[in-house]
C-alpha atoms as a PDB file:
ATOM      1  CA  MET A   1     107.904 120.720  52.802  1.00  0.00           C
ATOM      2  CA  THR A   2     107.971 122.724  55.981  1.00  0.00           C
ATOM      3  CA  GLU A   3     109.951 121.753  59.036  1.00  0.00           C
ATOM      4  CA  LYS A   4     106.737 120.907  60.883  1.00  0.00           C
ATOM      5  CA  GLU A   5     105.746 118.398  58.193  1.00  0.00           C
ATOM      6  CA  THR A   6     109.113 116.600  58.328  1.00  0.00           C
ATOM      7  CA  THR A   7     109.385 116.427  62.132  1.00  0.00           C
ATOM      8  CA  PRO A   8     107.586 113.404  63.594  1.00  0.00           C
ATOM      9  CA  ALA A   9     104.824 114.177  66.078  1.00  0.00           C
ATOM     10  CA  TYR A  10     106.014 114.252  69.674  1.00  0.00           C
ATOM     11  CA  PRO A  11     104.517 111.095  71.178  1.00  0.00           C
ATOM     12  CA  LYS A  12     101.871 111.912  73.748  1.00  0.00           C
ATOM     13  CA  VAL A  13     102.539 108.630  75.529  1.00  0.00           C
ATOM     14  CA  TYR A  14     105.992 109.889  76.435  1.00  0.00           C
ATOM     15  CA  LEU A  15     104.473 113.051  77.911  1.00  0.00           C
ATOM     16  CA  TYR A  16     102.010 111.090  80.014  1.00  0.00           C
ATOM     17  CA  LYS A  17     104.717 108.730  81.244  1.00  0.00           C
ATOM     18  CA  ARG A  18     106.603 111.749  82.559  1.00  0.00           C
ATOM     19  CA  ILE A  19     103.450 113.118  84.204  1.00  0.00           C
ATOM     20  CA  VAL A  20     102.759 109.745  85.826  1.00  0.00           C
ATOM     21  CA  GLN A  21     106.385 109.638  86.980  1.00  0.00           C
ATOM     22  CA  ALA A  22     105.859 113.007  88.694  1.00  0.00           C
ATOM     23  CA  LYS A  23     102.635 111.757  90.323  1.00  0.00           C
ATOM     24  CA  LEU A  24     104.458 108.700  91.630  1.00  0.00           C
ATOM     25  CA  PHE A  25     107.175 111.016  92.944  1.00  0.00           C
ATOM     26  CA  ILE A  26     104.504 112.924  94.894  1.00  0.00           C
ATOM     27  CA  ASP A  27     102.973 109.676  96.175  1.00  0.00           C
ATOM     28  CA  ALA A  28     106.367 108.462  97.424  1.00  0.00           C
ATOM     29  CA  ASN A  29     107.634 111.758  98.854  1.00  0.00           C
ATOM     30  CA  TYR A  30     104.484 113.503 100.145  1.00  0.00           C
ATOM     31  CA  HIS A  31     105.896 113.566 103.684  1.00  0.00           C
ATOM     32  CA  LEU A  32     109.019 115.497 102.646  1.00  0.00           C
ATOM     33  CA  THR A  33     109.391 119.179 101.919  1.00  0.00           C
ATOM     34  CA  ILE A  34     108.768 119.105  98.184  1.00  0.00           C
ATOM     35  CA  ASP A  35     107.629 121.932  95.974  1.00  0.00           C
ATOM     36  CA  LEU A  36     106.717 122.557  92.376  1.00  0.00           C
ATOM     37  CA  ASP A  37     110.379 122.862  91.367  1.00  0.00           C
ATOM     38  CA  ASN A  38     111.155 119.375  92.701  1.00  0.00           C
ATOM     39  CA  ILE A  39     108.094 117.834  91.084  1.00  0.00           C
ATOM     40  CA  SER A  40     108.484 119.507  87.687  1.00  0.00           C
ATOM     41  CA  ASP A  41     112.189 118.599  87.665  1.00  0.00           C
ATOM     42  CA  GLU A  42     111.196 114.968  88.217  1.00  0.00           C
ATOM     43  CA  ALA A  43     109.066 115.145  85.066  1.00  0.00           C
ATOM     44  CA  CYS A  44     111.669 117.205  83.136  1.00  0.00           C
ATOM     45  CA  PHE A  45     109.203 119.978  82.266  1.00  0.00           C
ATOM     46  CA  SER A  46     109.141 123.692  82.850  1.00  0.00           C
ATOM     47  CA  LYS A  47     106.924 124.563  85.816  1.00  0.00           C
ATOM     48  CA  PHE A  48     104.146 126.177  83.831  1.00  0.00           C
ATOM     49  CA  HIS A  49     103.976 123.520  81.128  1.00  0.00           C
ATOM     50  CA  PHE A  50     104.039 120.849  83.816  1.00  0.00           C
ATOM     51  CA  ILE A  51     101.143 122.442  85.746  1.00  0.00           C
ATOM     52  CA  ARG A  52      99.016 122.547  82.576  1.00  0.00           C
ATOM     53  CA  LEU A  53      99.738 118.925  81.660  1.00  0.00           C
ATOM     54  CA  PHE A  54      99.292 117.636  85.218  1.00  0.00           C
ATOM     55  CA  LYS A  55      95.971 119.416  85.627  1.00  0.00           C
ATOM     56  CA  LYS A  56      94.784 118.184  82.247  1.00  0.00           C
ATOM     57  CA  THR A  57      95.685 114.616  83.224  1.00  0.00           C
ATOM     58  CA  TYR A  58      94.551 114.495  86.872  1.00  0.00           C
ATOM     59  CA  GLY A  59      92.066 117.353  87.175  1.00  0.00           C
ATOM     60  CA  LYS A  60      94.121 119.010  89.929  1.00  0.00           C
ATOM     61  CA  THR A  61      97.263 121.079  90.022  1.00  0.00           C
ATOM     62  CA  PRO A  62     100.330 119.318  91.452  1.00  0.00           C
ATOM     63  CA  HIS A  63      99.991 121.351  94.661  1.00  0.00           C
ATOM     64  CA  GLN A  64      96.305 120.438  95.031  1.00  0.00           C
ATOM     65  CA  TYR A  65      97.146 116.783  94.437  1.00  0.00           C
ATOM     66  CA  LEU A  66      99.968 116.884  97.000  1.00  0.00           C
ATOM     67  CA  THR A  67      97.606 118.430  99.552  1.00  0.00           C
ATOM     68  CA  VAL A  68      94.943 115.769  98.959  1.00  0.00           C
ATOM     69  CA  VAL A  69      97.513 112.963  99.268  1.00  0.00           C
ATOM     70  CA  ARG A  70      98.793 114.417 102.527  1.00  0.00           C
ATOM     71  CA  ILE A  71      95.274 114.771 103.943  1.00  0.00           C
ATOM     72  CA  GLU A  72      94.333 111.205 102.944  1.00  0.00           C
ATOM     73  CA  LYS A  73      97.484 109.848 104.591  1.00  0.00           C
ATOM     74  CA  ALA A  74      96.784 111.994 107.656  1.00  0.00           C
ATOM     75  CA  ALA A  75      93.272 110.560 107.948  1.00  0.00           C
ATOM     76  CA  ARG A  76      94.701 107.034 107.955  1.00  0.00           C
ATOM     77  CA  LEU A  77      97.272 107.959 110.592  1.00  0.00           C
ATOM     78  CA  LEU A  78      94.628 109.620 112.765  1.00  0.00           C
ATOM     79  CA  GLN A  79      92.662 106.357 112.674  1.00  0.00           C
ATOM     80  CA  THR A  80      95.615 104.605 114.308  1.00  0.00           C
ATOM     81  CA  GLY A  81      95.347 106.846 117.358  1.00  0.00           C
ATOM     82  CA  GLN A  82      98.269 109.187 116.705  1.00  0.00           C
ATOM     83  CA  ASN A  83      97.913 112.761 117.939  1.00  0.00           C
ATOM     84  CA  VAL A  84      97.048 115.584 115.565  1.00  0.00           C
ATOM     85  CA  SER A  85     100.343 117.462 115.801  1.00  0.00           C
ATOM     86  CA  GLY A  86     102.383 114.308 115.243  1.00  0.00           C
ATOM     87  CA  VAL A  87     100.312 113.427 112.185  1.00  0.00           C
ATOM     88  CA  CYS A  88     100.604 116.983 110.883  1.00  0.00           C
ATOM     89  CA  TYR A  89     104.394 116.840 110.812  1.00  0.00           C
ATOM     90  CA  ALA A  90     104.517 113.188 109.695  1.00  0.00           C
ATOM     91  CA  VAL A  91     102.660 113.955 106.447  1.00  0.00           C
ATOM     92  CA  GLY A  92     104.736 117.008 105.583  1.00  0.00           C
ATOM     93  CA  PHE A  93     102.865 120.017 106.932  1.00  0.00           C
ATOM     94  CA  ASP A  94     104.788 122.699 108.822  1.00  0.00           C
ATOM     95  CA  SER A  95     101.901 124.203 110.776  1.00  0.00           C
ATOM     96  CA  VAL A  96      99.218 122.471 112.822  1.00  0.00           C
ATOM     97  CA  SER A  97      96.776 125.330 112.225  1.00  0.00           C
ATOM     98  CA  SER A  98      97.152 125.236 108.427  1.00  0.00           C
ATOM     99  CA  PHE A  99      96.924 121.431 108.523  1.00  0.00           C
ATOM    100  CA  SER A 100      93.747 121.574 110.609  1.00  0.00           C
ATOM    101  CA  GLY A 101      92.168 124.153 108.305  1.00  0.00           C
ATOM    102  CA  LEU A 102      92.959 122.159 105.162  1.00  0.00           C
ATOM    103  CA  PHE A 103      91.828 118.928 106.793  1.00  0.00           C
ATOM    104  CA  LYS A 104      88.497 120.485 107.739  1.00  0.00           C
ATOM    105  CA  ARG A 105      88.024 121.974 104.265  1.00  0.00           C
ATOM    106  CA  ILE A 106      88.752 118.663 102.501  1.00  0.00           C
ATOM    107  CA  VAL A 107      87.309 116.103 104.943  1.00  0.00           C
ATOM    108  CA  GLY A 108      84.470 118.210 106.319  1.00  0.00           C
ATOM    109  CA  GLN A 109      85.465 118.138 109.969  1.00  0.00           C
ATOM    110  CA  SER A 110      88.459 119.037 112.092  1.00  0.00           C
ATOM    111  CA  PRO A 111      91.087 116.358 112.750  1.00  0.00           C
ATOM    112  CA  SER A 112      89.985 115.945 116.369  1.00  0.00           C
ATOM    113  CA  ALA A 113      86.308 115.684 115.353  1.00  0.00           C
ATOM    114  CA  TYR A 114      87.315 113.157 112.679  1.00  0.00           C
ATOM    115  CA  VAL A 115      89.073 111.019 115.300  1.00  0.00           C
ATOM    116  CA  ALA A 116      86.061 111.213 117.630  1.00  0.00           C
ATOM    117  CA  THR A 117      83.676 110.232 114.818  1.00  0.00           C
ATOM    118  CA  TYR A 118      85.955 107.390 113.750  1.00  0.00           C
ATOM    119  CA  GLN A 119      86.206 106.052 117.318  1.00  0.00           C
ATOM    120  CA  GLN A 120      82.443 106.312 117.793  1.00  0.00           C
ATOM    121  CA  THR A 121      81.843 104.373 114.575  1.00  0.00           C
ATOM    122  CA  ARG A 122      84.386 101.710 115.577  1.00  0.00           C
ATOM    123  CA  ASN A 123      82.633 101.317 118.933  1.00  0.00           C
ATOM    124  CA  GLN A 124      79.243 100.981 117.229  1.00  0.00           C
ATOM    125  CA  ILE A 125      80.647  98.361 114.842  1.00  0.00           C
ATOM    126  CA  THR A 126      81.912  96.389 117.841  1.00  0.00           C
ATOM    127  CA  VAL A 127      78.505  96.507 119.551  1.00  0.00           C
ATOM    128  CA  MET A 128      76.285  95.967 116.494  1.00  0.00           C
ATOM    129  CA  PRO A 129      78.351  94.708 113.530  1.00  0.00           C
ATOM    130  CA  LEU A 130      75.333  93.715 111.415  1.00  0.00           C
ATOM    131  CA  ALA A 131      74.067  97.292 111.436  1.00  0.00           C
ATOM    132  CA  PHE A 132      77.027  98.148 109.181  1.00  0.00           C
ATOM    133  CA  VAL A 133      76.488  95.360 106.655  1.00  0.00           C
ATOM    134  CA  PRO A 134      74.458  96.408 103.585  1.00  0.00           C
ATOM    135  CA  GLY A 135      70.930  95.005 103.758  1.00  0.00           C
ATOM    136  CA  CYS A 136      71.132  93.303 100.366  1.00  0.00           C
ATOM    137  CA  PHE A 137      74.318  91.475 101.386  1.00  0.00           C
ATOM    138  CA  ALA A 138      72.842  90.419 104.741  1.00  0.00           C
ATOM    139  CA  PHE A 139      69.645  89.234 103.052  1.00  0.00           C
ATOM    140  CA  GLN A 140      71.590  87.263 100.433  1.00  0.00           C
ATOM    141  CA  HIS A 141      73.469  85.422 103.169  1.00  0.00           C
ATOM    142  CA  GLY A 142      70.398  84.822 105.348  1.00  0.00           C
ATOM    143  CA  TRP A 143      71.469  87.198 108.123  1.00  0.00           C
ATOM    144  CA  THR A 144      68.141  89.053 108.286  1.00  0.00           C
END
């Protein structure tokens, strides 16, 4: 018998638990200055092995995932009326210009345009709330 035949298979569940642990670390610490070293250490993997496993599991590299989490959190903060630079630093970016560029690339519009669109939509909902209810739902409840 070879050594490979006598060694039990490394359980994949254990690997995925460590990857999920790293994802949860990103979700909890997105606003801090974290990098690949911090994240891969959390999962107890080498950087390169960790990147491969994370991407295989989530379809994004850890850095891409961190960026998306930060942008999603930023969008929610912008909806509360906070200013762009304050939101930029609150979600962990160091530069307003890089934040704005990433936000536009991911969301499709600049942070200030996003806020304006959000406010316009909120105002329209206030004036005509039924216009934002799906027709099938409104019909089912006798609203049309």
